[in-house]
Each structure stands twice: as structure tokens, then as C-alpha cells.
Protein backbone atom coordinates (compact mmCIF):
# COMPACT_ATOMS: atom_id res chain seq x y z
CA MET A 1 111.76 52.95 50.39
CA LYS A 2 108.48 53.53 48.94
CA LYS A 3 108.16 57.08 50.11
CA LEU A 4 111.64 57.80 48.90
CA LEU A 5 110.95 56.47 45.41
CA TRP A 6 107.67 58.43 45.25
CA TRP A 7 109.59 61.62 46.06
CA LEU A 8 112.43 60.79 43.64
CA ILE A 9 110.15 59.93 40.84
CA ALA A 10 106.81 61.65 41.08
CA GLY A 11 107.51 64.38 43.67
CA SER A 12 110.27 66.32 42.32
CA LYS A 13 111.65 67.90 39.12
CA GLY A 14 113.49 65.42 36.92
CA GLY A 15 111.73 62.41 38.29
CA ILE A 16 110.94 60.89 34.88
CA ASN A 17 114.59 61.01 33.99
CA ARG A 18 115.58 59.36 37.32
CA ALA A 19 113.07 56.62 36.79
CA ARG A 20 114.38 56.07 33.29
CA MET A 21 117.86 55.74 34.73
CA ILE A 22 116.72 53.24 37.41
CA HIS A 23 114.86 51.24 34.78
CA THR A 24 118.02 51.17 32.48
CA LEU A 25 120.47 50.38 35.35
CA ASN A 26 118.17 47.43 36.33
CA GLU A 27 118.88 45.97 32.90
CA ARG A 28 122.68 46.31 33.13
CA PRO A 29 125.38 48.61 34.65
CA TYR A 30 126.37 51.67 32.66
CA ASN A 31 128.80 54.59 33.07
CA ALA A 32 127.31 58.22 32.84
CA ASN A 33 128.42 58.68 29.16
CA GLN A 34 126.78 55.38 28.19
CA LEU A 35 123.57 56.40 30.14
CA ALA A 36 123.44 59.75 28.36
CA GLU A 37 123.73 57.95 24.92
CA VAL A 38 121.22 55.30 25.74
CA LEU A 39 118.65 57.71 27.25
CA GLU A 40 119.51 60.49 24.84
CA LEU A 41 119.99 63.03 27.64
CA ASP A 42 122.60 65.68 28.15
CA TYR A 43 125.74 64.26 29.93
CA LYS A 44 125.49 66.96 32.65
CA THR A 45 121.88 66.11 33.26
CA VAL A 46 122.78 62.54 33.61
CA ARG A 47 125.60 63.40 36.11
CA HIS A 48 123.14 65.48 38.24
CA HIS A 49 120.67 62.79 38.43
CA LEU A 50 123.25 60.03 39.27
CA LYS A 51 124.45 62.27 42.15
CA VAL A 52 120.77 62.45 43.53
CA LEU A 53 120.23 58.78 43.15
CA GLU A 54 123.51 57.90 44.73
CA LYS A 55 122.95 60.25 47.55
CA ASN A 56 119.61 58.56 48.22
CA SER A 57 121.26 55.09 48.20
CA VAL A 58 119.33 53.96 45.14
CA ILE A 59 122.47 53.36 43.02
CA ILE A 60 126.15 52.87 43.83
CA SER A 61 129.24 53.43 41.77
CA GLN A 62 132.31 51.43 41.27
CA GLY A 63 135.50 52.72 39.80
CA ASP A 64 137.12 56.24 39.26
CA LYS A 65 135.35 59.44 38.71
CA TYR A 66 134.71 59.46 34.88
CA GLY A 67 134.99 55.76 34.32
CA ALA A 68 132.68 54.85 37.24
CA ILE A 69 130.01 52.21 36.45
CA TYR A 70 126.69 52.62 38.17
CA PHE A 71 124.57 49.85 39.63
CA LEU A 72 121.33 49.49 41.58
CA THR A 73 122.02 49.06 45.32
CA SER A 74 120.97 45.74 46.92
CA ILE A 75 118.19 47.44 48.85
CA MET A 76 116.89 49.00 45.46
CA GLU A 77 117.03 45.60 43.87
CA GLU A 78 114.97 44.08 46.78
CA ASN A 79 112.49 46.89 46.31
CA TYR A 80 112.32 46.95 42.55
CA THR A 81 108.65 45.90 42.41
CA ILE A 82 107.81 49.09 44.35
CA PHE A 83 109.54 51.11 41.64
CA GLU A 84 107.59 49.35 38.96
CA GLU A 85 104.33 49.95 40.76
CA ILE A 86 105.04 53.70 40.97
CA TRP A 87 106.38 53.84 37.41
CA SER A 88 103.11 52.22 36.18
CA GLN A 89 100.97 54.51 38.07
CA ILE A 90 102.51 57.52 36.70
CA GLY A 91 101.75 56.43 33.23
CA HIS A 92 104.72 54.42 32.15
CA LYS A 93 105.02 50.59 31.39
């Protein structure tokens, strides 16, 4: 999980936005539109990053396409401290 998170956050384009999404979804579940509003990002950008995170088993969705709510997976919740370490090392607290 550590290598995956390094790649998703620090090793690929858009990593900072993905990290912000992980951090925000750790606080509470959101749908894509809510995430776009909270993070002040374009809706299509949020949808793209949600797909990347879901494909890599970092988040999971519940519900229908546009009304889907996103949560961290249990494996991500168990490894959240690794995420926090990476997040702090790349300059965010």
C-alpha cells in the first residue's frame, strides 16, 4: 500500500488533488459534486481522480452513478497513517 500511495500522490500528475480527496473523504463521505465544491475543483477533474482512486482500491462508491457516495476502503482506513506520513513529507500538514 505504501508504494501505491507514493505513486498516486507524489509520483504522478494530479497527486496533490488525489491526496486532498483522500484527506477529505477520511473526514466524511461525499459525492463527486460535493467534493468538487469542497475542494474548489472542476467536477470533471474530480470524476477523473475518483476513477483513479477507485481503480486502485483506495476508495469505494455506494449508490448510483451520479448520486454515488465515496468512502475510503477498509484497507485505506487501516493504512491511513502511511498516507499521513507521505502527505507530510511532500509538504502538507
